[in-house]
Amino acid sequence: MYHQAAFAEHFLDRDGLRYHYLDEGAGDVIVMIHGNPTWSYFYRNLVRTFRDDHRVIVPDHIGCGFSDKPPESEYSYDLANRIADLDRLIDHLQLDFFTMVVHDWGGLCPTQRERRGRDEGH
C-alpha cells in the first residue's frame, strides 16, 4: 500500500475505533480533508510536495482508507460525527493555527466547525 512505502501511519482511538491519519513534515500546518468516497490517498502527491517545509496532516474519515469501517449500527456516518472526529484529532495534535485544504464532503467539516465556533463565541 502507498502508506507503508511512503508515509508513516498514525492512529487515534475514536471511542474504540481506529481513526487513521498521516502526519508528515514540519513547519506551518496544513490539514487536508478528503471527500467521499475517497481517502488520504487522494492527497498523496500534495503531501509529498508540501512535507519538505510544512507539517501535513491528512485523516481518513471513519469508514474510509485505513480507518475502521464499522457498521452504521455502531457509528453514525453523518456530518456531526465527521466534525467531532476532526475536532478530536485537532485537539489530540494540539493544533492552534493551520491551513485547510478540502474536497467534496470534506469541505463541510471546517465550514460547520468554524460556524459552530462563532455561534459559541469563539
PDB file of N, CA and C in Angstrom:
ATOM      1  N   MET A   1       0.835  -1.182   0.000  1.00  0.00           N
ATOM      2  CA  MET A   1       0.000   0.000   0.000  1.00  0.00           C
ATOM      3  C   MET A   1       0.880   1.246   0.000  1.00  0.00           C
ATOM      4  N   TYR A   2       0.319   2.336  -0.421  1.00  0.00           N
ATOM      5  CA  TYR A   2       1.115   3.551  -0.556  1.00  0.00           C
ATOM      6  C   TYR A   2       1.638   4.051   0.775  1.00  0.00           C
ATOM      7  N   HIS A   3       0.913   3.885   1.865  1.00  0.00           N
ATOM      8  CA  HIS A   3       1.357   4.381   3.169  1.00  0.00           C
ATOM      9  C   HIS A   3       2.601   3.643   3.651  1.00  0.00           C
ATOM     10  N   GLN A   4       2.608   2.357   3.506  1.00  0.00           N
ATOM     11  CA  GLN A   4       3.705   1.566   4.033  1.00  0.00           C
ATOM     12  C   GLN A   4       5.025   1.940   3.389  1.00  0.00           C
ATOM     13  N   ALA A   5       5.010   2.344   2.154  1.00  0.00           N
ATOM     14  CA  ALA A   5       6.247   2.686   1.458  1.00  0.00           C
ATOM     15  C   ALA A   5       6.615   4.157   1.598  1.00  0.00           C
ATOM     16  N   ALA A   6       5.631   5.029   1.679  1.00  0.00           N
ATOM     17  CA  ALA A   6       5.917   6.460   1.567  1.00  0.00           C
ATOM     18  C   ALA A   6       5.597   7.294   2.813  1.00  0.00           C
ATOM     19  N   PHE A   7       4.706   6.825   3.675  1.00  0.00           N
ATOM     20  CA  PHE A   7       4.238   7.639   4.780  1.00  0.00           C
ATOM     21  C   PHE A   7       4.173   6.828   6.073  1.00  0.00           C
ATOM     22  N   ALA A   8       4.418   7.503   7.184  1.00  0.00           N
ATOM     23  CA  ALA A   8       4.240   6.870   8.496  1.00  0.00           C
ATOM     24  C   ALA A   8       2.755   6.858   8.832  1.00  0.00           C
ATOM     25  N   GLU A   9       2.281   5.744   9.353  1.00  0.00           N
ATOM     26  CA  GLU A   9       0.880   5.642   9.729  1.00  0.00           C
ATOM     27  C   GLU A   9       0.694   6.040  11.186  1.00  0.00           C
ATOM     28  N   HIS A  10      -0.411   6.721  11.453  1.00  0.00           N
ATOM     29  CA  HIS A  10      -0.771   7.112  12.816  1.00  0.00           C
ATOM     30  C   HIS A  10      -2.248   6.793  13.007  1.00  0.00           C
ATOM     31  N   PHE A  11      -2.592   6.448  14.236  1.00  0.00           N
ATOM     32  CA  PHE A  11      -3.987   6.152  14.553  1.00  0.00           C
ATOM     33  C   PHE A  11      -4.375   6.849  15.850  1.00  0.00           C
ATOM     34  N   LEU A  12      -5.590   7.351  15.882  1.00  0.00           N
ATOM     35  CA  LEU A  12      -6.182   7.939  17.075  1.00  0.00           C
ATOM     36  C   LEU A  12      -7.363   7.061  17.457  1.00  0.00           C
ATOM     37  N   ASP A  13      -7.479   6.752  18.744  1.00  0.00           N
ATOM     38  CA  ASP A  13      -8.624   5.983  19.200  1.00  0.00           C
ATOM     39  C   ASP A  13      -9.840   6.896  19.236  1.00  0.00           C
ATOM     40  N   ARG A  14     -10.858   6.536  18.513  1.00  0.00           N
ATOM     41  CA  ARG A  14     -12.112   7.306  18.449  1.00  0.00           C
ATOM     42  C   ARG A  14     -13.207   6.440  19.056  1.00  0.00           C
ATOM     43  N   ASP A  15     -13.267   6.424  20.390  1.00  0.00           N
ATOM     44  CA  ASP A  15     -14.270   5.616  21.096  1.00  0.00           C
ATOM     45  C   ASP A  15     -14.209   4.155  20.655  1.00  0.00           C
ATOM     46  N   GLY A  16     -12.993   3.615  20.614  1.00  0.00           N
ATOM     47  CA  GLY A  16     -12.794   2.217  20.240  1.00  0.00           C
ATOM     48  C   GLY A  16     -12.590   1.988  18.756  1.00  0.00           C
ATOM     49  N   LEU A  17     -12.722   3.018  17.952  1.00  0.00           N
ATOM     50  CA  LEU A  17     -12.480   2.907  16.512  1.00  0.00           C
ATOM     51  C   LEU A  17     -11.106   3.484  16.182  1.00  0.00           C
ATOM     52  N   ARG A  18     -10.429   2.871  15.242  1.00  0.00           N
ATOM     53  CA  ARG A  18      -9.124   3.376  14.813  1.00  0.00           C
ATOM     54  C   ARG A  18      -9.331   4.408  13.713  1.00  0.00           C
ATOM     55  N   TYR A  19      -8.917   5.647  14.015  1.00  0.00           N
ATOM     56  CA  TYR A  19      -9.049   6.790  13.106  1.00  0.00           C
ATOM     57  C   TYR A  19      -7.650   7.057  12.556  1.00  0.00           C
ATOM     58  N   HIS A  20      -7.444   6.728  11.307  1.00  0.00           N
ATOM     59  CA  HIS A  20      -6.131   6.822  10.681  1.00  0.00           C
ATOM     60  C   HIS A  20      -5.844   8.237  10.184  1.00  0.00           C
ATOM     61  N   TYR A  21      -4.577   8.654  10.315  1.00  0.00           N
ATOM     62  CA  TYR A  21      -4.178   9.934   9.742  1.00  0.00           C
ATOM     63  C   TYR A  21      -2.695   9.915   9.396  1.00  0.00           C
ATOM     64  N   LEU A  22      -2.344  10.738   8.425  1.00  0.00           N
ATOM     65  CA  LEU A  22      -0.948  10.998   8.085  1.00  0.00           C
ATOM     66  C   LEU A  22      -0.509  12.232   8.854  1.00  0.00           C
ATOM     67  N   ASP A  23       0.750  12.254   9.240  1.00  0.00           N
ATOM     68  CA  ASP A  23       1.336  13.417   9.906  1.00  0.00           C
ATOM     69  C   ASP A  23       2.775  13.485   9.421  1.00  0.00           C
ATOM     70  N   GLU A  24       3.002  14.280   8.400  1.00  0.00           N
ATOM     71  CA  GLU A  24       4.291  14.325   7.711  1.00  0.00           C
ATOM     72  C   GLU A  24       4.885  15.725   7.748  1.00  0.00           C
ATOM     73  N   GLY A  25       6.203  15.800   7.907  1.00  0.00           N
ATOM     74  CA  GLY A  25       6.931  17.048   7.792  1.00  0.00           C
ATOM     75  C   GLY A  25       6.889  17.906   9.040  1.00  0.00           C
ATOM     76  N   ALA A  26       7.420  19.116   8.889  1.00  0.00           N
ATOM     77  CA  ALA A  26       7.475  20.099   9.985  1.00  0.00           C
ATOM     78  C   ALA A  26       7.343  21.486   9.390  1.00  0.00           C
ATOM     79  N   GLY A  27       6.825  22.396  10.188  1.00  0.00           N
ATOM     80  CA  GLY A  27       6.629  23.777   9.742  1.00  0.00           C
ATOM     81  C   GLY A  27       5.180  24.175   9.903  1.00  0.00           C
ATOM     82  N   ASP A  28       4.756  25.190   9.142  1.00  0.00           N
ATOM     83  CA  ASP A  28       3.357  25.606   9.181  1.00  0.00           C
ATOM     84  C   ASP A  28       2.479  24.403   8.841  1.00  0.00           C
ATOM     85  N   VAL A  29       1.345  24.312   9.517  1.00  0.00           N
ATOM     86  CA  VAL A  29       0.483  23.130   9.409  1.00  0.00           C
ATOM     87  C   VAL A  29      -0.556  23.291   8.308  1.00  0.00           C
ATOM     88  N   ILE A  30      -0.704  22.225   7.523  1.00  0.00           N
ATOM     89  CA  ILE A  30      -1.769  22.108   6.528  1.00  0.00           C
ATOM     90  C   ILE A  30      -2.560  20.859   6.882  1.00  0.00           C
ATOM     91  N   VAL A  31      -3.880  21.006   7.040  1.00  0.00           N
ATOM     92  CA  VAL A  31      -4.768  19.872   7.284  1.00  0.00           C
ATOM     93  C   VAL A  31      -5.579  19.671   6.016  1.00  0.00           C
ATOM     94  N   MET A  32      -5.540  18.463   5.474  1.00  0.00           N
ATOM     95  CA  MET A  32      -6.253  18.140   4.236  1.00  0.00           C
ATOM     96  C   MET A  32      -7.378  17.164   4.548  1.00  0.00           C
ATOM     97  N   ILE A  33      -8.593  17.523   4.147  1.00  0.00           N
ATOM     98  CA  ILE A  33      -9.764  16.704   4.431  1.00  0.00           C
ATOM     99  C   ILE A  33     -10.369  16.219   3.112  1.00  0.00           C
ATOM    100  N   HIS A  34     -10.424  14.899   2.952  1.00  0.00           N
ATOM    101  CA  HIS A  34     -10.958  14.313   1.719  1.00  0.00           C
ATOM    102  C   HIS A  34     -12.474  14.255   1.744  1.00  0.00           C
ATOM    103  N   GLY A  35     -13.045  13.995   0.592  1.00  0.00           N
ATOM    104  CA  GLY A  35     -14.485  13.817   0.464  1.00  0.00           C
ATOM    105  C   GLY A  35     -14.845  12.347   0.405  1.00  0.00           C
ATOM    106  N   ASN A  36     -16.043  12.052  -0.074  1.00  0.00           N
ATOM    107  CA  ASN A  36     -16.490  10.659  -0.231  1.00  0.00           C
ATOM    108  C   ASN A  36     -16.516  10.325  -1.703  1.00  0.00           C
ATOM    109  N   PRO A  37     -16.155   9.169  -2.088  1.00  0.00           N
ATOM    110  CA  PRO A  37     -15.705   8.029  -1.291  1.00  0.00           C
ATOM    111  C   PRO A  37     -14.179   7.899  -1.273  1.00  0.00           C
ATOM    112  N   THR A  38     -13.477   9.002  -1.289  1.00  0.00           N
ATOM    113  CA  THR A  38     -12.019   8.958  -1.354  1.00  0.00           C
ATOM    114  C   THR A  38     -11.409   8.756   0.027  1.00  0.00           C
ATOM    115  N   TRP A  39     -10.100   8.913   0.121  1.00  0.00           N
ATOM    116  CA  TRP A  39      -9.369   8.760   1.378  1.00  0.00           C
ATOM    117  C   TRP A  39      -8.075   9.540   1.269  1.00  0.00           C
ATOM    118  N   SER A  40      -7.175   9.425   2.222  1.00  0.00           N
ATOM    119  CA  SER A  40      -5.947  10.230   2.229  1.00  0.00           C
ATOM    120  C   SER A  40      -5.103  10.026   0.976  1.00  0.00           C
ATOM    121  N   TYR A  41      -5.258   8.903   0.326  1.00  0.00           N
ATOM    122  CA  TYR A  41      -4.549   8.632  -0.930  1.00  0.00           C
ATOM    123  C   TYR A  41      -4.790   9.748  -1.948  1.00  0.00           C
ATOM    124  N   PHE A  42      -5.952  10.355  -1.899  1.00  0.00           N
ATOM    125  CA  PHE A  42      -6.319  11.442  -2.799  1.00  0.00           C
ATOM    126  C   PHE A  42      -5.291  12.580  -2.760  1.00  0.00           C
ATOM    127  N   TYR A  43      -4.694  12.804  -1.580  1.00  0.00           N
ATOM    128  CA  TYR A  43      -3.755  13.907  -1.379  1.00  0.00           C
ATOM    129  C   TYR A  43      -2.295  13.496  -1.403  1.00  0.00           C
ATOM    130  N   ARG A  44      -1.980  12.265  -1.780  1.00  0.00           N
ATOM    131  CA  ARG A  44      -0.614  11.744  -1.675  1.00  0.00           C
ATOM    132  C   ARG A  44       0.421  12.633  -2.348  1.00  0.00           C
ATOM    133  N   ASN A  45       0.127  13.154  -3.516  1.00  0.00           N
ATOM    134  CA  ASN A  45       1.109  13.989  -4.218  1.00  0.00           C
ATOM    135  C   ASN A  45       1.280  15.349  -3.548  1.00  0.00           C
ATOM    136  N   LEU A  46       0.195  15.906  -3.010  1.00  0.00           N
ATOM    137  CA  LEU A  46       0.318  17.155  -2.275  1.00  0.00           C
ATOM    138  C   LEU A  46       1.109  16.956  -0.984  1.00  0.00           C
ATOM    139  N   VAL A  47       0.911  15.837  -0.308  1.00  0.00           N
ATOM    140  CA  VAL A  47       1.676  15.555   0.908  1.00  0.00           C
ATOM    141  C   VAL A  47       3.157  15.512   0.570  1.00  0.00           C
ATOM    142  N   ARG A  48       3.507  14.792  -0.475  1.00  0.00           N
ATOM    143  CA  ARG A  48       4.918  14.706  -0.876  1.00  0.00           C
ATOM    144  C   ARG A  48       5.487  16.082  -1.232  1.00  0.00           C
ATOM    145  N   THR A  49       4.687  16.918  -1.854  1.00  0.00           N
ATOM    146  CA  THR A  49       5.138  18.253  -2.255  1.00  0.00           C
ATOM    147  C   THR A  49       5.354  19.165  -1.059  1.00  0.00           C
ATOM    148  N   PHE A  50       4.422  19.156  -0.113  1.00  0.00           N
ATOM    149  CA  PHE A  50       4.462  20.126   0.986  1.00  0.00           C
ATOM    150  C   PHE A  50       5.226  19.667   2.224  1.00  0.00           C
ATOM    151  N   ARG A  51       5.473  18.383   2.392  1.00  0.00           N
ATOM    152  CA  ARG A  51       6.080  17.910   3.642  1.00  0.00           C
ATOM    153  C   ARG A  51       7.525  18.370   3.842  1.00  0.00           C
ATOM    154  N   ASP A  52       8.172  18.843   2.800  1.00  0.00           N
ATOM    155  CA  ASP A  52       9.547  19.328   2.956  1.00  0.00           C
ATOM    156  C   ASP A  52       9.613  20.609   3.780  1.00  0.00           C
ATOM    157  N   ASP A  53       8.552  21.422   3.744  1.00  0.00           N
ATOM    158  CA  ASP A  53       8.593  22.671   4.514  1.00  0.00           C
ATOM    159  C   ASP A  53       7.290  22.978   5.256  1.00  0.00           C
ATOM    160  N   HIS A  54       6.422  21.988   5.382  1.00  0.00           N
ATOM    161  CA  HIS A  54       5.172  22.120   6.137  1.00  0.00           C
ATOM    162  C   HIS A  54       4.911  20.824   6.905  1.00  0.00           C
ATOM    163  N   ARG A  55       4.110  20.938   7.939  1.00  0.00           N
ATOM    164  CA  ARG A  55       3.572  19.750   8.595  1.00  0.00           C
ATOM    165  C   ARG A  55       2.227  19.493   7.942  1.00  0.00           C
ATOM    166  N   VAL A  56       2.064  18.315   7.367  1.00  0.00           N
ATOM    167  CA  VAL A  56       0.854  17.990   6.614  1.00  0.00           C
ATOM    168  C   VAL A  56       0.106  16.873   7.338  1.00  0.00           C
ATOM    169  N   ILE A  57      -1.144  17.144   7.672  1.00  0.00           N
ATOM    170  CA  ILE A  57      -1.994  16.193   8.400  1.00  0.00           C
ATOM    171  C   ILE A  57      -3.164  15.830   7.496  1.00  0.00           C
ATOM    172  N   VAL A  58      -3.362  14.528   7.298  1.00  0.00           N
ATOM    173  CA  VAL A  58      -4.444  14.072   6.421  1.00  0.00           C
ATOM    174  C   VAL A  58      -5.148  12.878   7.069  1.00  0.00           C
ATOM    175  N   PRO A  59      -6.318  13.093   7.667  1.00  0.00           N
ATOM    176  CA  PRO A  59      -7.051  11.961   8.241  1.00  0.00           C
ATOM    177  C   PRO A  59      -7.844  11.205   7.170  1.00  0.00           C
ATOM    178  N   ASP A  60      -8.094   9.932   7.475  1.00  0.00           N
ATOM    179  CA  ASP A  60      -9.060   9.138   6.714  1.00  0.00           C
ATOM    180  C   ASP A  60     -10.338   9.138   7.542  1.00  0.00           C
ATOM    181  N   HIS A  61     -11.440   9.628   6.967  1.00  0.00           N
ATOM    182  CA  HIS A  61     -12.708   9.565   7.693  1.00  0.00           C
ATOM    183  C   HIS A  61     -12.947   8.126   8.159  1.00  0.00           C
ATOM    184  N   ILE A  62     -13.636   7.975   9.284  1.00  0.00           N
ATOM    185  CA  ILE A  62     -14.095   6.647   9.690  1.00  0.00           C
ATOM    186  C   ILE A  62     -14.905   6.081   8.519  1.00  0.00           C
ATOM    187  N   GLY A  63     -14.611   4.846   8.164  1.00  0.00           N
ATOM    188  CA  GLY A  63     -15.284   4.212   7.033  1.00  0.00           C
ATOM    189  C   GLY A  63     -14.497   4.310   5.739  1.00  0.00           C
ATOM    190  N   CYS A  64     -13.368   5.027   5.757  1.00  0.00           N
ATOM    191  CA  CYS A  64     -12.575   5.232   4.543  1.00  0.00           C
ATOM    192  C   CYS A  64     -11.107   4.891   4.794  1.00  0.00           C
ATOM    193  N   GLY A  65     -10.410   4.560   3.722  1.00  0.00           N
ATOM    194  CA  GLY A  65      -8.972   4.344   3.797  1.00  0.00           C
ATOM    195  C   GLY A  65      -8.584   3.331   4.847  1.00  0.00           C
ATOM    196  N   PHE A  66      -7.608   3.702   5.691  1.00  0.00           N
ATOM    197  CA  PHE A  66      -7.105   2.799   6.714  1.00  0.00           C
ATOM    198  C   PHE A  66      -7.818   2.958   8.061  1.00  0.00           C
ATOM    199  N   SER A  67      -8.813   3.827   8.142  1.00  0.00           N
ATOM    200  CA  SER A  67      -9.620   3.928   9.364  1.00  0.00           C
ATOM    201  C   SER A  67     -10.574   2.739   9.433  1.00  0.00           C
ATOM    202  N   ASP A  68     -11.039   2.450  10.652  1.00  0.00           N
ATOM    203  CA  ASP A  68     -12.011   1.373  10.815  1.00  0.00           C
ATOM    204  C   ASP A  68     -13.275   1.665  10.027  1.00  0.00           C
ATOM    205  N   LYS A  69     -13.981   0.589   9.692  1.00  0.00           N
ATOM    206  CA  LYS A  69     -15.207   0.676   8.900  1.00  0.00           C
ATOM    207  C   LYS A  69     -16.345  -0.031   9.642  1.00  0.00           C
ATOM    208  N   PRO A  70     -16.835   0.587  10.705  1.00  0.00           N
ATOM    209  CA  PRO A  70     -17.899  -0.059  11.486  1.00  0.00           C
ATOM    210  C   PRO A  70     -19.241  -0.012  10.760  1.00  0.00           C
ATOM    211  N   PRO A  71     -20.143  -0.918  11.132  1.00  0.00           N
ATOM    212  CA  PRO A  71     -21.498  -0.840  10.571  1.00  0.00           C
ATOM    213  C   PRO A  71     -22.206   0.394  11.117  1.00  0.00           C
ATOM    214  N   GLU A  72     -23.227   0.834  10.404  1.00  0.00           N
ATOM    215  CA  GLU A  72     -23.968   2.026  10.820  1.00  0.00           C
ATOM    216  C   GLU A  72     -24.623   1.874  12.184  1.00  0.00           C
ATOM    217  N   SER A  73     -24.790   0.656  12.642  1.00  0.00           N
ATOM    218  CA  SER A  73     -25.352   0.439  13.976  1.00  0.00           C
ATOM    219  C   SER A  73     -24.354   0.834  15.073  1.00  0.00           C
ATOM    220  N   GLU A  74     -23.068   0.952  14.715  1.00  0.00           N
ATOM    221  CA  GLU A  74     -22.033   1.302  15.689  1.00  0.00           C
ATOM    222  C   GLU A  74     -21.468   2.708  15.499  1.00  0.00           C
ATOM    223  N   TYR A  75     -21.723   3.314  14.360  1.00  0.00           N
ATOM    224  CA  TYR A  75     -21.183   4.641  14.071  1.00  0.00           C
ATOM    225  C   TYR A  75     -22.113   5.330  13.079  1.00  0.00           C
ATOM    226  N   SER A  76     -22.519   6.530  13.398  1.00  0.00           N
ATOM    227  CA  SER A  76     -23.394   7.286  12.503  1.00  0.00           C
ATOM    228  C   SER A  76     -22.525   8.074  11.518  1.00  0.00           C
ATOM    229  N   TYR A  77     -22.659   7.761  10.262  1.00  0.00           N
ATOM    230  CA  TYR A  77     -21.875   8.416   9.217  1.00  0.00           C
ATOM    231  C   TYR A  77     -22.538   9.736   8.808  1.00  0.00           C
ATOM    232  N   ASP A  78     -22.537  10.699   9.727  1.00  0.00           N
ATOM    233  CA  ASP A  78     -23.172  11.979   9.449  1.00  0.00           C
ATOM    234  C   ASP A  78     -22.174  13.118   9.670  1.00  0.00           C
ATOM    235  N   LEU A  79     -22.577  14.308   9.298  1.00  0.00           N
ATOM    236  CA  LEU A  79     -21.703  15.467   9.391  1.00  0.00           C
ATOM    237  C   LEU A  79     -21.270  15.746  10.832  1.00  0.00           C
ATOM    238  N   ALA A  80     -22.176  15.585  11.765  1.00  0.00           N
ATOM    239  CA  ALA A  80     -21.836  15.848  13.167  1.00  0.00           C
ATOM    240  C   ALA A  80     -20.688  14.960  13.630  1.00  0.00           C
ATOM    241  N   ASN A  81     -20.699  13.696  13.265  1.00  0.00           N
ATOM    242  CA  ASN A  81     -19.603  12.800  13.644  1.00  0.00           C
ATOM    243  C   ASN A  81     -18.320  13.136  12.895  1.00  0.00           C
ATOM    244  N   ARG A  82     -18.420  13.522  11.642  1.00  0.00           N
ATOM    245  CA  ARG A  82     -17.215  13.917  10.887  1.00  0.00           C
ATOM    246  C   ARG A  82     -16.547  15.116  11.567  1.00  0.00           C
ATOM    247  N   ILE A  83     -17.359  16.078  11.995  1.00  0.00           N
ATOM    248  CA  ILE A  83     -16.815  17.253  12.682  1.00  0.00           C
ATOM    249  C   ILE A  83     -16.229  16.847  14.030  1.00  0.00           C
ATOM    250  N   ALA A  84     -16.927  15.997  14.773  1.00  0.00           N
ATOM    251  CA  ALA A  84     -16.423  15.530  16.065  1.00  0.00           C
ATOM    252  C   ALA A  84     -15.100  14.781  15.897  1.00  0.00           C
ATOM    253  N   ASP A  85     -14.994  13.978  14.848  1.00  0.00           N
ATOM    254  CA  ASP A  85     -13.747  13.258  14.580  1.00  0.00           C
ATOM    255  C   ASP A  85     -12.612  14.250  14.326  1.00  0.00           C
ATOM    256  N   LEU A  86     -12.873  15.231  13.493  1.00  0.00           N
ATOM    257  CA  LEU A  86     -11.863  16.241  13.180  1.00  0.00           C
ATOM    258  C   LEU A  86     -11.484  17.039  14.421  1.00  0.00           C
ATOM    259  N   ASP A  87     -12.467  17.429  15.219  1.00  0.00           N
ATOM    260  CA  ASP A  87     -12.190  18.149  16.473  1.00  0.00           C
ATOM    261  C   ASP A  87     -11.279  17.329  17.379  1.00  0.00           C
ATOM    262  N   ARG A  88     -11.590  16.064  17.511  1.00  0.00           N
ATOM    263  CA  ARG A  88     -10.787  15.204  18.383  1.00  0.00           C
ATOM    264  C   ARG A  88      -9.348  15.098  17.881  1.00  0.00           C
ATOM    265  N   LEU A  89      -9.177  14.982  16.571  1.00  0.00           N
ATOM    266  CA  LEU A  89      -7.823  14.904  16.011  1.00  0.00           C
ATOM    267  C   LEU A  89      -7.070  16.214  16.225  1.00  0.00           C
ATOM    268  N   ILE A  90      -7.719  17.340  15.971  1.00  0.00           N
ATOM    269  CA  ILE A  90      -7.080  18.648  16.153  1.00  0.00           C
ATOM    270  C   ILE A  90      -6.684  18.849  17.616  1.00  0.00           C
ATOM    271  N   ASP A  91      -7.550  18.454  18.523  1.00  0.00           N
ATOM    272  CA  ASP A  91      -7.223  18.544  19.952  1.00  0.00           C
ATOM    273  C   ASP A  91      -6.063  17.612  20.305  1.00  0.00           C
ATOM    274  N   HIS A  92      -6.113  16.388  19.812  1.00  0.00           N
ATOM    275  CA  HIS A  92      -5.065  15.408  20.087  1.00  0.00           C
ATOM    276  C   HIS A  92      -3.695  15.903  19.617  1.00  0.00           C
ATOM    277  N   LEU A  93      -3.667  16.527  18.449  1.00  0.00           N
ATOM    278  CA  LEU A  93      -2.407  17.009  17.886  1.00  0.00           C
ATOM    279  C   LEU A  93      -2.045  18.403  18.385  1.00  0.00           C
ATOM    280  N   GLN A  94      -2.921  18.987  19.199  1.00  0.00           N
ATOM    281  CA  GLN A  94      -2.708  20.309  19.789  1.00  0.00           C
ATOM    282  C   GLN A  94      -2.425  21.370  18.717  1.00  0.00           C
ATOM    283  N   LEU A  95      -3.281  21.393  17.718  1.00  0.00           N
ATOM    284  CA  LEU A  95      -3.140  22.353  16.625  1.00  0.00           C
ATOM    285  C   LEU A  95      -3.906  23.625  16.956  1.00  0.00           C
ATOM    286  N   ASP A  96      -3.230  24.758  16.858  1.00  0.00           N
ATOM    287  CA  ASP A  96      -3.884  26.042  17.090  1.00  0.00           C
ATOM    288  C   ASP A  96      -4.161  26.780  15.784  1.00  0.00           C
ATOM    289  N   PHE A  97      -3.169  26.821  14.923  1.00  0.00           N
ATOM    290  CA  PHE A  97      -3.282  27.547  13.656  1.00  0.00           C
ATOM    291  C   PHE A  97      -2.912  26.608  12.523  1.00  0.00           C
ATOM    292  N   PHE A  98      -3.736  26.598  11.478  1.00  0.00           N
ATOM    293  CA  PHE A  98      -3.464  25.720  10.346  1.00  0.00           C
ATOM    294  C   PHE A  98      -4.262  26.178   9.137  1.00  0.00           C
ATOM    295  N   THR A  99      -3.784  25.776   7.988  1.00  0.00           N
ATOM    296  CA  THR A  99      -4.470  25.993   6.725  1.00  0.00           C
ATOM    297  C   THR A  99      -5.194  24.708   6.373  1.00  0.00           C
ATOM    298  N   MET A 100      -6.395  24.832   5.822  1.00  0.00           N
ATOM    299  CA  MET A 100      -7.134  23.637   5.430  1.00  0.00           C
ATOM    300  C   MET A 100      -7.256  23.559   3.913  1.00  0.00           C
ATOM    301  N   VAL A 101      -7.089  22.344   3.420  1.00  0.00           N
ATOM    302  CA  VAL A 101      -7.340  22.010   2.025  1.00  0.00           C
ATOM    303  C   VAL A 101      -8.460  20.979   2.063  1.00  0.00           C
ATOM    304  N   VAL A 102      -9.539  21.241   1.350  1.00  0.00           N
ATOM    305  CA  VAL A 102     -10.705  20.371   1.458  1.00  0.00           C
ATOM    306  C   VAL A 102     -11.210  19.973   0.075  1.00  0.00           C
ATOM    307  N   HIS A 103     -11.945  18.868   0.065  1.00  0.00           N
ATOM    308  CA  HIS A 103     -12.519  18.349  -1.170  1.00  0.00           C
ATOM    309  C   HIS A 103     -13.895  17.769  -0.867  1.00  0.00           C
ATOM    310  N   ASP A 104     -14.886  18.117  -1.655  1.00  0.00           N
ATOM    311  CA  ASP A 104     -16.191  17.483  -1.603  1.00  0.00           C
ATOM    312  C   ASP A 104     -16.777  17.568  -0.190  1.00  0.00           C
ATOM    313  N   TRP A 105     -17.211  16.453   0.351  1.00  0.00           N
ATOM    314  CA  TRP A 105     -17.804  16.350   1.699  1.00  0.00           C
ATOM    315  C   TRP A 105     -16.863  16.914   2.753  1.00  0.00           C
ATOM    316  N   GLY A 106     -15.565  16.759   2.527  1.00  0.00           N
ATOM    317  CA  GLY A 106     -14.586  17.267   3.475  1.00  0.00           C
ATOM    318  C   GLY A 106     -14.680  18.771   3.676  1.00  0.00           C
ATOM    319  N   GLY A 107     -15.202  19.494   2.708  1.00  0.00           N
ATOM    320  CA  GLY A 107     -15.341  20.937   2.821  1.00  0.00           C
ATOM    321  C   GLY A 107     -16.371  21.372   3.846  1.00  0.00           C
ATOM    322  N   LEU A 108     -17.334  20.511   4.126  1.00  0.00           N
ATOM    323  CA  LEU A 108     -18.363  20.854   5.108  1.00  0.00           C
ATOM    324  C   LEU A 108     -17.830  20.820   6.533  1.00  0.00           C
ATOM    325  N   CYS A 109     -16.844  19.974   6.800  1.00  0.00           N
ATOM    326  CA  CYS A 109     -16.328  19.844   8.178  1.00  0.00           C
ATOM    327  C   CYS A 109     -15.761  21.163   8.701  1.00  0.00           C
ATOM    328  N   PRO A 110     -14.805  21.781   8.017  1.00  0.00           N
ATOM    329  CA  PRO A 110     -14.268  23.030   8.566  1.00  0.00           C
ATOM    330  C   PRO A 110     -15.260  24.181   8.513  1.00  0.00           C
ATOM    331  N   THR A 111     -16.115  24.199   7.509  1.00  0.00           N
ATOM    332  CA  THR A 111     -17.101  25.272   7.397  1.00  0.00           C
ATOM    333  C   THR A 111     -18.049  25.245   8.589  1.00  0.00           C
ATOM    334  N   GLN A 112     -18.587  24.082   8.897  1.00  0.00           N
ATOM    335  CA  GLN A 112     -19.521  23.953  10.016  1.00  0.00           C
ATOM    336  C   GLN A 112     -18.797  24.084  11.352  1.00  0.00           C
ATOM    337  N   ARG A 113     -17.547  23.626  11.407  1.00  0.00           N
ATOM    338  CA  ARG A 113     -16.749  23.758  12.625  1.00  0.00           C
ATOM    339  C   ARG A 113     -16.530  25.237  12.944  1.00  0.00           C
ATOM    340  N   GLU A 114     -16.184  26.024  11.944  1.00  0.00           N
ATOM    341  CA  GLU A 114     -15.962  27.462  12.116  1.00  0.00           C
ATOM    342  C   GLU A 114     -17.269  28.153  12.500  1.00  0.00           C
ATOM    343  N   ARG A 115     -18.328  27.795  11.835  1.00  0.00           N
ATOM    344  CA  ARG A 115     -19.639  28.399  12.127  1.00  0.00           C
ATOM    345  C   ARG A 115     -20.057  28.109  13.565  1.00  0.00           C
ATOM    346  N   ARG A 116     -19.850  26.863  13.998  1.00  0.00           N
ATOM    347  CA  ARG A 116     -20.186  26.491  15.369  1.00  0.00           C
ATOM    348  C   ARG A 116     -19.368  27.305  16.362  1.00  0.00           C
ATOM    349  N   GLY A 117     -18.073  27.508  16.057  1.00  0.00           N
ATOM    350  CA  GLY A 117     -17.202  28.299  16.928  1.00  0.00           C
ATOM    351  C   GLY A 117     -17.692  29.727  17.076  1.00  0.00           C
ATOM    352  N   ARG A 118     -18.138  30.328  15.981  1.00  0.00           N
ATOM    353  CA  ARG A 118     -18.677  31.692  16.041  1.00  0.00           C
ATOM    354  C   ARG A 118     -19.958  31.728  16.857  1.00  0.00           C
ATOM    355  N   ASP A 119     -20.802  30.717  16.659  1.00  0.00           N
ATOM    356  CA  ASP A 119     -22.065  30.663  17.408  1.00  0.00           C
ATOM    357  C   ASP A 119     -21.824  30.512  18.902  1.00  0.00           C
ATOM    358  N   GLU A 120     -20.723  29.857  19.280  1.00  0.00           N
ATOM    359  CA  GLU A 120     -20.401  29.633  20.697  1.00  0.00           C
ATOM    360  C   GLU A 120     -19.543  30.768  21.252  1.00  0.00           C
ATOM    361  N   GLY A 121     -19.235  31.779  20.428  1.00  0.00           N
ATOM    362  CA  GLY A 121     -18.459  32.918  20.895  1.00  0.00           C
ATOM    363  C   GLY A 121     -16.961  32.712  20.874  1.00  0.00           C
ATOM    364  N   HIS A 122     -16.476  31.761  20.091  1.00  0.00           N
ATOM    365  CA  HIS A 122     -15.029  31.505  19.989  1.00  0.00           C
ATOM    366  C   HIS A 122     -14.429  32.212  18.805  1.00  0.00           C
TER     367      HIS A 122
END
